[in-house]
Each structure stands twice: as structure tokens, then as C-alpha cells.
């Protein structure tokens, strides 16, 4: 875009000023983009924190202490130890603590479900 003026240097200076103004506008847009990028990264981080916390809670909820598990199964502690000794039920042992998972309970119940004729 050539601007015609009486003085040749004046036209070049005007073109240069217009180009600088366009460059400043582009830099403003880039700054806005950087600010938006930072804002979106912060939001994404918060969302990931929420999702991770939910997944951890869901994961930890899978581990059921023995006392609660035997209530869910409707058996006594003695029956549980008999089943455990025979290898009829899986379990998780951490130190002296015994846990079952939902999967273990569901599999056990499926194996002991009596099918209707």
C-alpha cells in the first residue's frame, strides 16, 4: 500500500507508521492470546484436580474393610475365615488389615448364585 504525497520520504514514513500500528495491534492480540492461554490452562488444571480427586475417591471406595464386607455378604467372621482357608474367596491383606473389593464380592456372589430352572 503506497501512499502518494508530495515528498517521497513522507510517504515512506506514513507507510512505516501504518505498519508499526498494525504490528502493535498484532502484538496486542498475541498478548490477549497469551492471557487467554494462561486462563484456559488454569481452568484445565482445576478440572483435572477435580477429576483426579474424584477418581482417587472412587478408587479408594473400592476397598471394603472386612467388617463391612461380611455384613454385605451376610456371613459371620468365622464363615469368612472358613471360605478364605478353602480358597473360595479372594481378599487383600495389608499388614493385619483385610479388605475386599466390590469386584471380589460380586465374583463371589456370582459363583454362589443358584440359577432358576
PDB file of N, CA and C in Angstrom:
ATOM      1  N   UNK A   1       0.833  -1.156   0.000  1.00  0.00           N
ATOM      2  CA  UNK A   1       0.000   0.000   0.000  1.00  0.00           C
ATOM      3  C   UNK A   1       0.892   1.239   0.000  1.00  0.00           C
ATOM      4  N   UNK A   2       0.976   1.869  -1.136  1.00  0.00           N
ATOM      5  CA  UNK A   2       1.792   3.086  -1.311  1.00  0.00           C
ATOM      6  C   UNK A   2       0.911   4.312  -1.146  1.00  0.00           C
ATOM      7  N   UNK A   3       1.352   5.203  -0.283  1.00  0.00           N
ATOM      8  CA  UNK A   3       0.635   6.461  -0.078  1.00  0.00           C
ATOM      9  C   UNK A   3       1.355   7.533  -0.881  1.00  0.00           C
ATOM     10  N   UNK A   4       0.611   8.251  -1.740  1.00  0.00           N
ATOM     11  CA  UNK A   4       1.214   9.293  -2.587  1.00  0.00           C
ATOM     12  C   UNK A   4       1.201  10.623  -1.846  1.00  0.00           C
ATOM     13  N   UNK A   5       2.363  11.213  -1.720  1.00  0.00           N
ATOM     14  CA  UNK A   5       2.483  12.552  -1.145  1.00  0.00           C
ATOM     15  C   UNK A   5       3.446  13.351  -2.000  1.00  0.00           C
ATOM     16  N   UNK A   6       3.559  14.634  -1.722  1.00  0.00           N
ATOM     17  CA  UNK A   6       4.471  15.484  -2.475  1.00  0.00           C
ATOM     18  C   UNK A   6       5.919  15.147  -2.164  1.00  0.00           C
ATOM     19  N   UNK A   7       6.174  14.749  -0.933  1.00  0.00           N
ATOM     20  CA  UNK A   7       7.542  14.435  -0.531  1.00  0.00           C
ATOM     21  C   UNK A   7       7.685  12.919  -0.453  1.00  0.00           C
ATOM     22  N   UNK A   8       8.666  12.320  -1.140  1.00  0.00           N
ATOM     23  CA  UNK A   8       8.816  10.862  -1.135  1.00  0.00           C
ATOM     24  C   UNK A   8       9.079  10.295   0.255  1.00  0.00           C
ATOM     25  N   UNK A   9       9.856  10.945   1.063  1.00  0.00           N
ATOM     26  CA  UNK A   9      10.157  10.438   2.407  1.00  0.00           C
ATOM     27  C   UNK A   9       8.935  10.453   3.303  1.00  0.00           C
ATOM     28  N   UNK A  10       8.038  11.399   3.079  1.00  0.00           N
ATOM     29  CA  UNK A  10       6.832  11.499   3.874  1.00  0.00           C
ATOM     30  C   UNK A  10       5.931  10.274   3.635  1.00  0.00           C
ATOM     31  N   UNK A  11       5.838   9.811   2.406  1.00  0.00           N
ATOM     32  CA  UNK A  11       5.041   8.624   2.061  1.00  0.00           C
ATOM     33  C   UNK A  11       5.606   7.378   2.717  1.00  0.00           C
ATOM     34  N   UNK A  12       6.921   7.246   2.694  1.00  0.00           N
ATOM     35  CA  UNK A  12       7.573   6.084   3.322  1.00  0.00           C
ATOM     36  C   UNK A  12       7.356   6.120   4.824  1.00  0.00           C
ATOM     37  N   UNK A  13       7.477   7.307   5.412  1.00  0.00           N
ATOM     38  CA  UNK A  13       7.284   7.446   6.857  1.00  0.00           C
ATOM     39  C   UNK A  13       5.843   7.093   7.242  1.00  0.00           C
ATOM     40  N   UNK A  14       4.887   7.509   6.422  1.00  0.00           N
ATOM     41  CA  UNK A  14       3.481   7.214   6.689  1.00  0.00           C
ATOM     42  C   UNK A  14       3.222   5.702   6.576  1.00  0.00           C
ATOM     43  N   UNK A  15       3.772   5.070   5.534  1.00  0.00           N
ATOM     44  CA  UNK A  15       3.635   3.612   5.389  1.00  0.00           C
ATOM     45  C   UNK A  15       4.264   2.897   6.577  1.00  0.00           C
ATOM     46  N   UNK A  16       5.406   3.383   6.995  1.00  0.00           N
ATOM     47  CA  UNK A  16       6.108   2.785   8.131  1.00  0.00           C
ATOM     48  C   UNK A  16       5.257   2.922   9.397  1.00  0.00           C
ATOM     49  N   UNK A  17       4.653   4.086   9.611  1.00  0.00           N
ATOM     50  CA  UNK A  17       3.800   4.310  10.779  1.00  0.00           C
ATOM     51  C   UNK A  17       2.595   3.375  10.750  1.00  0.00           C
ATOM     52  N   UNK A  18       2.006   3.188   9.574  1.00  0.00           N
ATOM     53  CA  UNK A  18       0.854   2.273   9.439  1.00  0.00           C
ATOM     54  C   UNK A  18       1.275   0.846   9.750  1.00  0.00           C
ATOM     55  N   UNK A  19       2.428   0.423   9.249  1.00  0.00           N
ATOM     56  CA  UNK A  19       2.930  -0.928   9.522  1.00  0.00           C
ATOM     57  C   UNK A  19       3.203  -1.120  11.012  1.00  0.00           C
ATOM     58  N   UNK A  20       3.774  -0.092  11.646  1.00  0.00           N
ATOM     59  CA  UNK A  20       4.037  -0.184  13.081  1.00  0.00           C
ATOM     60  C   UNK A  20       2.728  -0.295  13.854  1.00  0.00           C
ATOM     61  N   UNK A  21       1.725   0.479  13.439  1.00  0.00           N
ATOM     62  CA  UNK A  21       0.421   0.411  14.102  1.00  0.00           C
ATOM     63  C   UNK A  21      -0.191  -0.981  13.954  1.00  0.00           C
ATOM     64  N   UNK A  22      -0.075  -1.584  12.767  1.00  0.00           N
ATOM     65  CA  UNK A  22      -0.579  -2.951  12.538  1.00  0.00           C
ATOM     66  C   UNK A  22       0.184  -3.937  13.416  1.00  0.00           C
ATOM     67  N   UNK A  23       1.498  -3.750  13.508  1.00  0.00           N
ATOM     68  CA  UNK A  23       2.321  -4.637  14.332  1.00  0.00           C
ATOM     69  C   UNK A  23       1.915  -4.536  15.799  1.00  0.00           C
ATOM     70  N   UNK A  24       1.676  -3.309  16.262  1.00  0.00           N
ATOM     71  CA  UNK A  24       1.230  -3.110  17.649  1.00  0.00           C
ATOM     72  C   UNK A  24      -0.106  -3.802  17.878  1.00  0.00           C
ATOM     73  N   UNK A  25      -1.012  -3.682  16.928  1.00  0.00           N
ATOM     74  CA  UNK A  25      -2.309  -4.367  17.042  1.00  0.00           C
ATOM     75  C   UNK A  25      -2.131  -5.878  17.120  1.00  0.00           C
ATOM     76  N   UNK A  26      -1.228  -6.410  16.284  1.00  0.00           N
ATOM     77  CA  UNK A  26      -0.967  -7.850  16.295  1.00  0.00           C
ATOM     78  C   UNK A  26      -0.353  -8.270  17.635  1.00  0.00           C
ATOM     79  N   UNK A  27       0.562  -7.458  18.154  1.00  0.00           N
ATOM     80  CA  UNK A  27       1.169  -7.774  19.447  1.00  0.00           C
ATOM     81  C   UNK A  27       0.124  -7.746  20.566  1.00  0.00           C
ATOM     82  N   UNK A  28      -0.805  -6.777  20.503  1.00  0.00           N
ATOM     83  CA  UNK A  28      -1.902  -6.734  21.481  1.00  0.00           C
ATOM     84  C   UNK A  28      -2.719  -8.020  21.410  1.00  0.00           C
ATOM     85  N   UNK A  29      -3.006  -8.471  20.196  1.00  0.00           N
ATOM     86  CA  UNK A  29      -3.767  -9.711  20.023  1.00  0.00           C
ATOM     87  C   UNK A  29      -2.993 -10.892  20.598  1.00  0.00           C
ATOM     88  N   UNK A  30      -1.663 -10.914  20.348  1.00  0.00           N
ATOM     89  CA  UNK A  30      -0.842 -12.003  20.892  1.00  0.00           C
ATOM     90  C   UNK A  30      -0.838 -11.975  22.416  1.00  0.00           C
ATOM     91  N   UNK A  31      -0.774 -10.786  23.005  1.00  0.00           N
ATOM     92  CA  UNK A  31      -0.836 -10.680  24.464  1.00  0.00           C
ATOM     93  C   UNK A  31      -2.165 -11.192  24.981  1.00  0.00           C
ATOM     94  N   UNK A  32      -3.237 -10.860  24.275  1.00  0.00           N
ATOM     95  CA  UNK A  32      -4.557 -11.350  24.673  1.00  0.00           C
ATOM     96  C   UNK A  32      -4.603 -12.869  24.558  1.00  0.00           C
ATOM     97  N   UNK A  33      -4.001 -13.385  23.503  1.00  0.00           N
ATOM     98  CA  UNK A  33      -3.965 -14.843  23.315  1.00  0.00           C
ATOM     99  C   UNK A  33      -3.184 -15.485  24.451  1.00  0.00           C
ATOM    100  N   UNK A  34      -2.040 -14.893  24.818  1.00  0.00           N
ATOM    101  CA  UNK A  34      -1.241 -15.442  25.921  1.00  0.00           C
ATOM    102  C   UNK A  34      -2.027 -15.411  27.229  1.00  0.00           C
ATOM    103  N   UNK A  35      -2.735 -14.317  27.485  1.00  0.00           N
ATOM    104  CA  UNK A  35      -3.549 -14.218  28.688  1.00  0.00           C
ATOM    105  C   UNK A  35      -4.670 -15.260  28.671  1.00  0.00           C
ATOM    106  N   UNK A  36      -5.301 -15.426  27.507  1.00  0.00           N
ATOM    107  CA  UNK A  36      -6.371 -16.429  27.384  1.00  0.00           C
ATOM    108  C   UNK A  36      -5.800 -17.834  27.570  1.00  0.00           C
ATOM    109  N   UNK A  37      -4.621 -18.064  27.024  1.00  0.00           N
ATOM    110  CA  UNK A  37      -3.976 -19.377  27.153  1.00  0.00           C
ATOM    111  C   UNK A  37      -3.698 -19.688  28.621  1.00  0.00           C
ATOM    112  N   UNK A  38      -3.180 -18.711  29.353  1.00  0.00           N
ATOM    113  CA  UNK A  38      -2.900 -18.898  30.781  1.00  0.00           C
ATOM    114  C   UNK A  38      -4.196 -19.164  31.539  1.00  0.00           C
ATOM    115  N   UNK A  39      -5.241 -18.394  31.222  1.00  0.00           N
ATOM    116  CA  UNK A  39      -6.531 -18.573  31.883  1.00  0.00           C
ATOM    117  C   UNK A  39      -7.074 -19.986  31.606  1.00  0.00           C
ATOM    118  N   UNK A  40      -6.998 -20.430  30.350  1.00  0.00           N
ATOM    119  CA  UNK A  40      -7.503 -21.763  29.997  1.00  0.00           C
ATOM    120  C   UNK A  40      -6.674 -22.865  30.648  1.00  0.00           C
ATOM    121  N   UNK A  41      -5.369 -22.673  30.719  1.00  0.00           N
ATOM    122  CA  UNK A  41      -4.523 -23.666  31.388  1.00  0.00           C
ATOM    123  C   UNK A  41      -4.872 -23.769  32.865  1.00  0.00           C
ATOM    124  N   UNK A  42      -5.143 -22.637  33.500  1.00  0.00           N
ATOM    125  CA  UNK A  42      -5.546 -22.654  34.913  1.00  0.00           C
ATOM    126  C   UNK A  42      -6.870 -23.381  35.103  1.00  0.00           C
ATOM    127  N   UNK A  43      -7.816 -23.114  34.202  1.00  0.00           N
ATOM    128  CA  UNK A  43      -9.118 -23.792  34.292  1.00  0.00           C
ATOM    129  C   UNK A  43      -8.962 -25.296  34.082  1.00  0.00           C
ATOM    130  N   UNK A  44      -8.139 -25.673  33.105  1.00  0.00           N
ATOM    131  CA  UNK A  44      -7.904 -27.088  32.831  1.00  0.00           C
ATOM    132  C   UNK A  44      -7.274 -27.770  34.043  1.00  0.00           C
ATOM    133  N   UNK A  45      -6.340 -27.102  34.665  1.00  0.00           N
ATOM    134  CA  UNK A  45      -5.690 -27.658  35.856  1.00  0.00           C
ATOM    135  C   UNK A  45      -6.699 -27.892  36.975  1.00  0.00           C
ATOM    136  N   UNK A  46      -7.623 -26.934  37.176  1.00  0.00           N
ATOM    137  CA  UNK A  46      -8.656 -27.093  38.197  1.00  0.00           C
ATOM    138  C   UNK A  46      -9.568 -28.270  37.875  1.00  0.00           C
ATOM    139  N   UNK A  47      -9.937 -28.390  36.597  1.00  0.00           N
ATOM    140  CA  UNK A  47     -10.797 -29.500  36.178  1.00  0.00           C
ATOM    141  C   UNK A  47     -10.086 -30.825  36.391  1.00  0.00           C
ATOM    142  N   UNK A  48      -8.817 -30.894  36.030  1.00  0.00           N
ATOM    143  CA  UNK A  48      -8.045 -32.128  36.228  1.00  0.00           C
ATOM    144  C   UNK A  48      -7.943 -32.468  37.707  1.00  0.00           C
ATOM    145  N   UNK A  49      -7.744 -31.448  38.563  1.00  0.00           N
ATOM    146  CA  UNK A  49      -7.684 -31.686  40.001  1.00  0.00           C
ATOM    147  C   UNK A  49      -8.985 -32.292  40.506  1.00  0.00           C
ATOM    148  N   UNK A  50     -10.107 -31.750  40.031  1.00  0.00           N
ATOM    149  CA  UNK A  50     -11.413 -32.264  40.449  1.00  0.00           C
ATOM    150  C   UNK A  50     -11.593 -33.697  39.969  1.00  0.00           C
ATOM    151  N   UNK A  51     -11.269 -33.945  38.701  1.00  0.00           N
ATOM    152  CA  UNK A  51     -11.416 -35.298  38.155  1.00  0.00           C
ATOM    153  C   UNK A  51     -10.495 -36.281  38.858  1.00  0.00           C
ATOM    154  N   UNK A  52      -9.269 -35.876  39.108  1.00  0.00           N
ATOM    155  CA  UNK A  52      -8.320 -36.775  39.771  1.00  0.00           C
ATOM    156  C   UNK A  52      -8.801 -37.098  41.174  1.00  0.00           C
ATOM    157  N   UNK A  53      -9.254 -36.075  41.895  1.00  0.00           N
ATOM    158  CA  UNK A  53      -9.743 -36.303  43.255  1.00  0.00           C
ATOM    159  C   UNK A  53     -10.927 -37.258  43.237  1.00  0.00           C
ATOM    160  N   UNK A  54     -11.829 -37.076  42.274  1.00  0.00           N
ATOM    161  CA  UNK A  54     -12.988 -37.959  42.168  1.00  0.00           C
ATOM    162  C   UNK A  54     -12.537 -39.383  41.873  1.00  0.00           C
ATOM    163  N   UNK A  55     -11.587 -39.535  40.955  1.00  0.00           N
ATOM    164  CA  UNK A  55     -11.112 -40.870  40.614  1.00  0.00           C
ATOM    165  C   UNK A  55     -10.414 -41.532  41.792  1.00  0.00           C
ATOM    166  N   UNK A  56      -9.645 -40.771  42.564  1.00  0.00           N
ATOM    167  CA  UNK A  56      -8.978 -41.332  43.739  1.00  0.00           C
ATOM    168  C   UNK A  56     -10.015 -41.782  44.751  1.00  0.00           C
ATOM    169  N   UNK A  57     -11.029 -40.937  44.984  1.00  0.00           N
ATOM    170  CA  UNK A  57     -12.085 -41.318  45.921  1.00  0.00           C
ATOM    171  C   UNK A  57     -12.808 -42.567  45.451  1.00  0.00           C
ATOM    172  N   UNK A  58     -13.124 -42.627  44.162  1.00  0.00           N
ATOM    173  CA  UNK A  58     -13.781 -43.814  43.619  1.00  0.00           C
ATOM    174  C   UNK A  58     -12.896 -45.044  43.793  1.00  0.00           C
ATOM    175  N   UNK A  59     -11.607 -44.865  43.552  1.00  0.00           N
ATOM    176  CA  UNK A  59     -10.663 -45.984  43.680  1.00  0.00           C
ATOM    177  C   UNK A  59     -10.602 -46.457  45.124  1.00  0.00           C
ATOM    178  N   UNK A  60     -10.483 -45.527  46.058  1.00  0.00           N
ATOM    179  CA  UNK A  60     -10.388 -45.904  47.468  1.00  0.00           C
ATOM    180  C   UNK A  60     -11.683 -46.507  47.976  1.00  0.00           C
ATOM    181  N   UNK A  61     -12.816 -46.074  47.435  1.00  0.00           N
ATOM    182  CA  UNK A  61     -14.108 -46.629  47.842  1.00  0.00           C
ATOM    183  C   UNK A  61     -14.242 -48.099  47.475  1.00  0.00           C
ATOM    184  N   UNK A  62     -13.431 -48.578  46.548  1.00  0.00           N
ATOM    185  CA  UNK A  62     -13.497 -49.982  46.140  1.00  0.00           C
ATOM    186  C   UNK A  62     -13.003 -50.912  47.239  1.00  0.00           C
ATOM    187  N   UNK A  63     -12.136 -50.421  48.109  1.00  0.00           N
ATOM    188  CA  UNK A  63     -11.557 -51.255  49.145  1.00  0.00           C
ATOM    189  C   UNK A  63     -12.453 -51.238  50.376  1.00  0.00           C
ATOM    190  N   UNK A  64     -13.048 -52.390  50.651  1.00  0.00           N
ATOM    191  CA  UNK A  64     -14.043 -52.508  51.711  1.00  0.00           C
ATOM    192  C   UNK A  64     -13.419 -53.256  52.887  1.00  0.00           C
ATOM    193  N   UNK A  65     -13.407 -52.646  54.077  1.00  0.00           N
ATOM    194  CA  UNK A  65     -12.867 -53.337  55.252  1.00  0.00           C
ATOM    195  C   UNK A  65     -13.649 -54.627  55.516  1.00  0.00           C
ATOM    196  N   UNK A  66     -12.977 -55.601  56.117  1.00  0.00           N
ATOM    197  CA  UNK A  66     -13.564 -56.923  56.350  1.00  0.00           C
ATOM    198  C   UNK A  66     -14.897 -56.845  57.079  1.00  0.00           C
ATOM    199  N   UNK A  67     -14.977 -56.045  58.120  1.00  0.00           N
ATOM    200  CA  UNK A  67     -16.216 -55.977  58.915  1.00  0.00           C
ATOM    201  C   UNK A  67     -17.412 -55.563  58.052  1.00  0.00           C
ATOM    202  N   UNK A  68     -17.187 -54.605  57.181  1.00  0.00           N
ATOM    203  CA  UNK A  68     -18.274 -54.154  56.304  1.00  0.00           C
ATOM    204  C   UNK A  68     -18.566 -55.213  55.235  1.00  0.00           C
ATOM    205  N   UNK A  69     -17.520 -55.849  54.718  1.00  0.00           N
ATOM    206  CA  UNK A  69     -17.687 -56.857  53.660  1.00  0.00           C
ATOM    207  C   UNK A  69     -18.514 -58.048  54.141  1.00  0.00           C
ATOM    208  N   UNK A  70     -18.240 -58.506  55.378  1.00  0.00           N
ATOM    209  CA  UNK A  70     -19.010 -59.669  55.860  1.00  0.00           C
ATOM    210  C   UNK A  70     -20.480 -59.300  56.087  1.00  0.00           C
ATOM    211  N   UNK A  71     -20.733 -58.034  56.422  1.00  0.00           N
ATOM    212  CA  UNK A  71     -22.127 -57.595  56.531  1.00  0.00           C
ATOM    213  C   UNK A  71     -22.791 -57.595  55.159  1.00  0.00           C
ATOM    214  N   UNK A  72     -22.055 -57.123  54.152  1.00  0.00           N
ATOM    215  CA  UNK A  72     -22.604 -57.116  52.790  1.00  0.00           C
ATOM    216  C   UNK A  72     -22.877 -58.536  52.302  1.00  0.00           C
ATOM    217  N   UNK A  73     -21.989 -59.458  52.659  1.00  0.00           N
ATOM    218  CA  UNK A  73     -22.149 -60.854  52.228  1.00  0.00           C
ATOM    219  C   UNK A  73     -23.182 -61.597  53.074  1.00  0.00           C
ATOM    220  N   UNK A  74     -23.495 -61.062  54.246  1.00  0.00           N
ATOM    221  CA  UNK A  74     -24.457 -61.727  55.129  1.00  0.00           C
ATOM    222  C   UNK A  74     -23.879 -62.969  55.775  1.00  0.00           C
ATOM    223  N   UNK A  75     -22.584 -62.933  56.079  1.00  0.00           N
ATOM    224  CA  UNK A  75     -21.918 -64.078  56.718  1.00  0.00           C
ATOM    225  C   UNK A  75     -21.228 -63.604  57.992  1.00  0.00           C
ATOM    226  N   UNK A  76     -20.777 -64.573  58.788  1.00  0.00           N
ATOM    227  CA  UNK A  76     -20.050 -64.230  60.010  1.00  0.00           C
ATOM    228  C   UNK A  76     -18.553 -64.170  59.699  1.00  0.00           C
ATOM    229  N   UNK A  77     -17.819 -63.647  60.656  1.00  0.00           N
ATOM    230  CA  UNK A  77     -16.361 -63.583  60.510  1.00  0.00           C
ATOM    231  C   UNK A  77     -15.798 -65.007  60.405  1.00  0.00           C
ATOM    232  N   UNK A  78     -16.360 -65.897  61.183  1.00  0.00           N
ATOM    233  CA  UNK A  78     -15.899 -67.302  61.184  1.00  0.00           C
ATOM    234  C   UNK A  78     -16.139 -67.938  59.806  1.00  0.00           C
ATOM    235  N   UNK A  79     -17.323 -67.650  59.211  1.00  0.00           N
ATOM    236  CA  UNK A  79     -17.597 -68.181  57.865  1.00  0.00           C
ATOM    237  C   UNK A  79     -16.608 -67.610  56.845  1.00  0.00           C
ATOM    238  N   UNK A  80     -16.291 -66.321  57.001  1.00  0.00           N
ATOM    239  CA  UNK A  80     -15.330 -65.716  56.086  1.00  0.00           C
ATOM    240  C   UNK A  80     -13.986 -66.433  56.171  1.00  0.00           C
ATOM    241  N   UNK A  81     -13.513 -66.670  57.401  1.00  0.00           N
ATOM    242  CA  UNK A  81     -12.209 -67.330  57.553  1.00  0.00           C
ATOM    243  C   UNK A  81     -12.233 -68.750  56.989  1.00  0.00           C
ATOM    244  N   UNK A  82     -13.372 -69.431  57.109  1.00  0.00           N
ATOM    245  CA  UNK A  82     -13.513 -70.768  56.516  1.00  0.00           C
ATOM    246  C   UNK A  82     -13.429 -70.671  54.986  1.00  0.00           C
ATOM    247  N   UNK A  83     -14.160 -69.715  54.406  1.00  0.00           N
ATOM    248  CA  UNK A  83     -14.118 -69.514  52.950  1.00  0.00           C
ATOM    249  C   UNK A  83     -12.707 -69.148  52.490  1.00  0.00           C
ATOM    250  N   UNK A  84     -12.060 -68.311  53.263  1.00  0.00           N
ATOM    251  CA  UNK A  84     -10.699 -67.873  52.933  1.00  0.00           C
ATOM    252  C   UNK A  84      -9.733 -69.054  52.969  1.00  0.00           C
ATOM    253  N   UNK A  85      -9.852 -69.888  54.023  1.00  0.00           N
ATOM    254  CA  UNK A  85      -8.959 -71.040  54.182  1.00  0.00           C
ATOM    255  C   UNK A  85      -9.137 -72.039  53.039  1.00  0.00           C
ATOM    256  N   UNK A  86     -10.391 -72.214  52.579  1.00  0.00           N
ATOM    257  CA  UNK A  86     -10.672 -73.144  51.469  1.00  0.00           C
ATOM    258  C   UNK A  86     -10.287 -72.547  50.114  1.00  0.00           C
ATOM    259  N   UNK A  87     -10.025 -71.257  50.093  1.00  0.00           N
ATOM    260  CA  UNK A  87      -9.694 -70.601  48.820  1.00  0.00           C
ATOM    261  C   UNK A  87     -10.919 -70.240  48.012  1.00  0.00           C
ATOM    262  N   UNK A  88     -12.069 -70.163  48.678  1.00  0.00           N
ATOM    263  CA  UNK A  88     -13.324 -69.840  47.990  1.00  0.00           C
ATOM    264  C   UNK A  88     -13.520 -68.343  47.761  1.00  0.00           C
ATOM    265  N   UNK A  89     -12.785 -67.530  48.491  1.00  0.00           N
ATOM    266  CA  UNK A  89     -12.942 -66.083  48.344  1.00  0.00           C
ATOM    267  C   UNK A  89     -11.564 -65.418  48.344  1.00  0.00           C
ATOM    268  N   UNK A  90     -11.399 -64.487  47.425  1.00  0.00           N
ATOM    269  CA  UNK A  90     -10.157 -63.715  47.374  1.00  0.00           C
ATOM    270  C   UNK A  90     -10.222 -62.594  48.404  1.00  0.00           C
ATOM    271  N   UNK A  91      -9.089 -62.094  48.764  1.00  0.00           N
ATOM    272  CA  UNK A  91      -9.040 -60.977  49.710  1.00  0.00           C
ATOM    273  C   UNK A  91      -7.715 -60.243  49.550  1.00  0.00           C
ATOM    274  N   UNK A  92      -7.653 -59.080  50.155  1.00  0.00           N
ATOM    275  CA  UNK A  92      -6.436 -58.262  50.134  1.00  0.00           C
ATOM    276  C   UNK A  92      -5.996 -58.118  51.580  1.00  0.00           C
ATOM    277  N   UNK A  93      -4.722 -58.368  51.820  1.00  0.00           N
ATOM    278  CA  UNK A  93      -4.217 -58.234  53.180  1.00  0.00           C
ATOM    279  C   UNK A  93      -3.069 -57.235  53.172  1.00  0.00           C
ATOM    280  N   UNK A  94      -3.225 -56.198  53.989  1.00  0.00           N
ATOM    281  CA  UNK A  94      -2.178 -55.189  54.156  1.00  0.00           C
ATOM    282  C   UNK A  94      -1.841 -55.176  55.632  1.00  0.00           C
ATOM    283  N   UNK A  95      -0.687 -55.731  55.965  1.00  0.00           N
ATOM    284  CA  UNK A  95      -0.349 -55.889  57.384  1.00  0.00           C
ATOM    285  C   UNK A  95      -1.348 -56.833  58.002  1.00  0.00           C
ATOM    286  N   UNK A  96      -2.012 -56.372  59.038  1.00  0.00           N
ATOM    287  CA  UNK A  96      -3.033 -57.196  59.690  1.00  0.00           C
ATOM    288  C   UNK A  96      -4.438 -56.882  59.187  1.00  0.00           C
ATOM    289  N   UNK A  97      -4.562 -55.863  58.365  1.00  0.00           N
ATOM    290  CA  UNK A  97      -5.870 -55.445  57.844  1.00  0.00           C
ATOM    291  C   UNK A  97      -6.261 -56.297  56.643  1.00  0.00           C
ATOM    292  N   UNK A  98      -7.537 -56.684  56.599  1.00  0.00           N
ATOM    293  CA  UNK A  98      -8.069 -57.469  55.483  1.00  0.00           C
ATOM    294  C   UNK A  98      -9.141 -56.631  54.786  1.00  0.00           C
ATOM    295  N   UNK A  99      -9.065 -56.589  53.463  1.00  0.00           N
ATOM    296  CA  UNK A  99     -10.015 -55.839  52.648  1.00  0.00           C
ATOM    297  C   UNK A  99     -10.545 -56.727  51.539  1.00  0.00           C
ATOM    298  N   UNK A 100     -11.733 -56.406  51.079  1.00  0.00           N
ATOM    299  CA  UNK A 100     -12.278 -56.997  49.875  1.00  0.00           C
ATOM    300  C   UNK A 100     -12.615 -55.844  48.937  1.00  0.00           C
ATOM    301  N   UNK A 101     -12.784 -56.153  47.678  1.00  0.00           N
ATOM    302  CA  UNK A 101     -13.214 -55.121  46.733  1.00  0.00           C
ATOM    303  C   UNK A 101     -14.606 -55.474  46.242  1.00  0.00           C
ATOM    304  N   UNK A 102     -15.227 -54.519  45.614  1.00  0.00           N
ATOM    305  CA  UNK A 102     -16.542 -54.790  45.027  1.00  0.00           C
ATOM    306  C   UNK A 102     -16.456 -55.934  44.022  1.00  0.00           C
ATOM    307  N   UNK A 103     -15.378 -55.934  43.250  1.00  0.00           N
ATOM    308  CA  UNK A 103     -15.195 -56.983  42.246  1.00  0.00           C
ATOM    309  C   UNK A 103     -15.137 -58.356  42.919  1.00  0.00           C
ATOM    310  N   UNK A 104     -14.377 -58.469  43.995  1.00  0.00           N
ATOM    311  CA  UNK A 104     -14.258 -59.748  44.716  1.00  0.00           C
ATOM    312  C   UNK A 104     -15.628 -60.188  45.229  1.00  0.00           C
ATOM    313  N   UNK A 105     -16.357 -59.267  45.829  1.00  0.00           N
ATOM    314  CA  UNK A 105     -17.686 -59.601  46.368  1.00  0.00           C
ATOM    315  C   UNK A 105     -18.634 -60.005  45.240  1.00  0.00           C
ATOM    316  N   UNK A 106     -18.626 -59.254  44.141  1.00  0.00           N
ATOM    317  CA  UNK A 106     -19.506 -59.587  43.012  1.00  0.00           C
ATOM    318  C   UNK A 106     -19.165 -60.939  42.414  1.00  0.00           C
ATOM    319  N   UNK A 107     -17.884 -61.230  42.242  1.00  0.00           N
ATOM    320  CA  UNK A 107     -17.482 -62.534  41.695  1.00  0.00           C
ATOM    321  C   UNK A 107     -17.895 -63.666  42.628  1.00  0.00           C
ATOM    322  N   UNK A 108     -17.705 -63.470  43.923  1.00  0.00           N
ATOM    323  CA  UNK A 108     -18.099 -64.487  44.906  1.00  0.00           C
ATOM    324  C   UNK A 108     -19.600 -64.737  44.832  1.00  0.00           C
ATOM    325  N   UNK A 109     -20.371 -63.648  44.796  1.00  0.00           N
ATOM    326  CA  UNK A 109     -21.828 -63.780  44.726  1.00  0.00           C
ATOM    327  C   UNK A 109     -22.262 -64.460  43.423  1.00  0.00           C
ATOM    328  N   UNK A 110     -21.596 -64.129  42.318  1.00  0.00           N
ATOM    329  CA  UNK A 110     -21.927 -64.765  41.035  1.00  0.00           C
ATOM    330  C   UNK A 110     -21.663 -66.272  41.089  1.00  0.00           C
ATOM    331  N   UNK A 111     -20.555 -66.666  41.711  1.00  0.00           N
ATOM    332  CA  UNK A 111     -20.233 -68.100  41.805  1.00  0.00           C
ATOM    333  C   UNK A 111     -21.230 -68.845  42.693  1.00  0.00           C
ATOM    334  N   UNK A 112     -21.848 -68.151  43.612  1.00  0.00           N
ATOM    335  CA  UNK A 112     -22.764 -68.796  44.548  1.00  0.00           C
ATOM    336  C   UNK A 112     -24.232 -68.484  44.267  1.00  0.00           C
ATOM    337  N   UNK A 113     -24.483 -67.973  43.079  1.00  0.00           N
ATOM    338  CA  UNK A 113     -25.855 -67.712  42.691  1.00  0.00           C
ATOM    339  C   UNK A 113     -26.476 -69.004  42.168  1.00  0.00           C
ATOM    340  N   UNK A 114     -27.643 -69.332  42.683  1.00  0.00           N
ATOM    341  CA  UNK A 114     -28.361 -70.533  42.257  1.00  0.00           C
ATOM    342  C   UNK A 114     -29.281 -70.111  41.119  1.00  0.00           C
ATOM    343  N   UNK A 115     -29.105 -70.753  39.980  1.00  0.00           N
ATOM    344  CA  UNK A 115     -29.901 -70.420  38.791  1.00  0.00           C
ATOM    345  C   UNK A 115     -31.273 -71.050  38.886  1.00  0.00           C
ATOM    346  N   UNK A 116     -32.268 -70.309  38.474  1.00  0.00           N
ATOM    347  CA  UNK A 116     -33.640 -70.840  38.461  1.00  0.00           C
ATOM    348  C   UNK A 116     -33.782 -71.809  37.302  1.00  0.00           C
ATOM    349  N   UNK A 117     -34.634 -72.797  37.479  1.00  0.00           N
ATOM    350  CA  UNK A 117     -34.838 -73.801  36.404  1.00  0.00           C
ATOM    351  C   UNK A 117     -35.611 -73.237  35.296  1.00  0.00           C
TER     352      UNK A 117
END
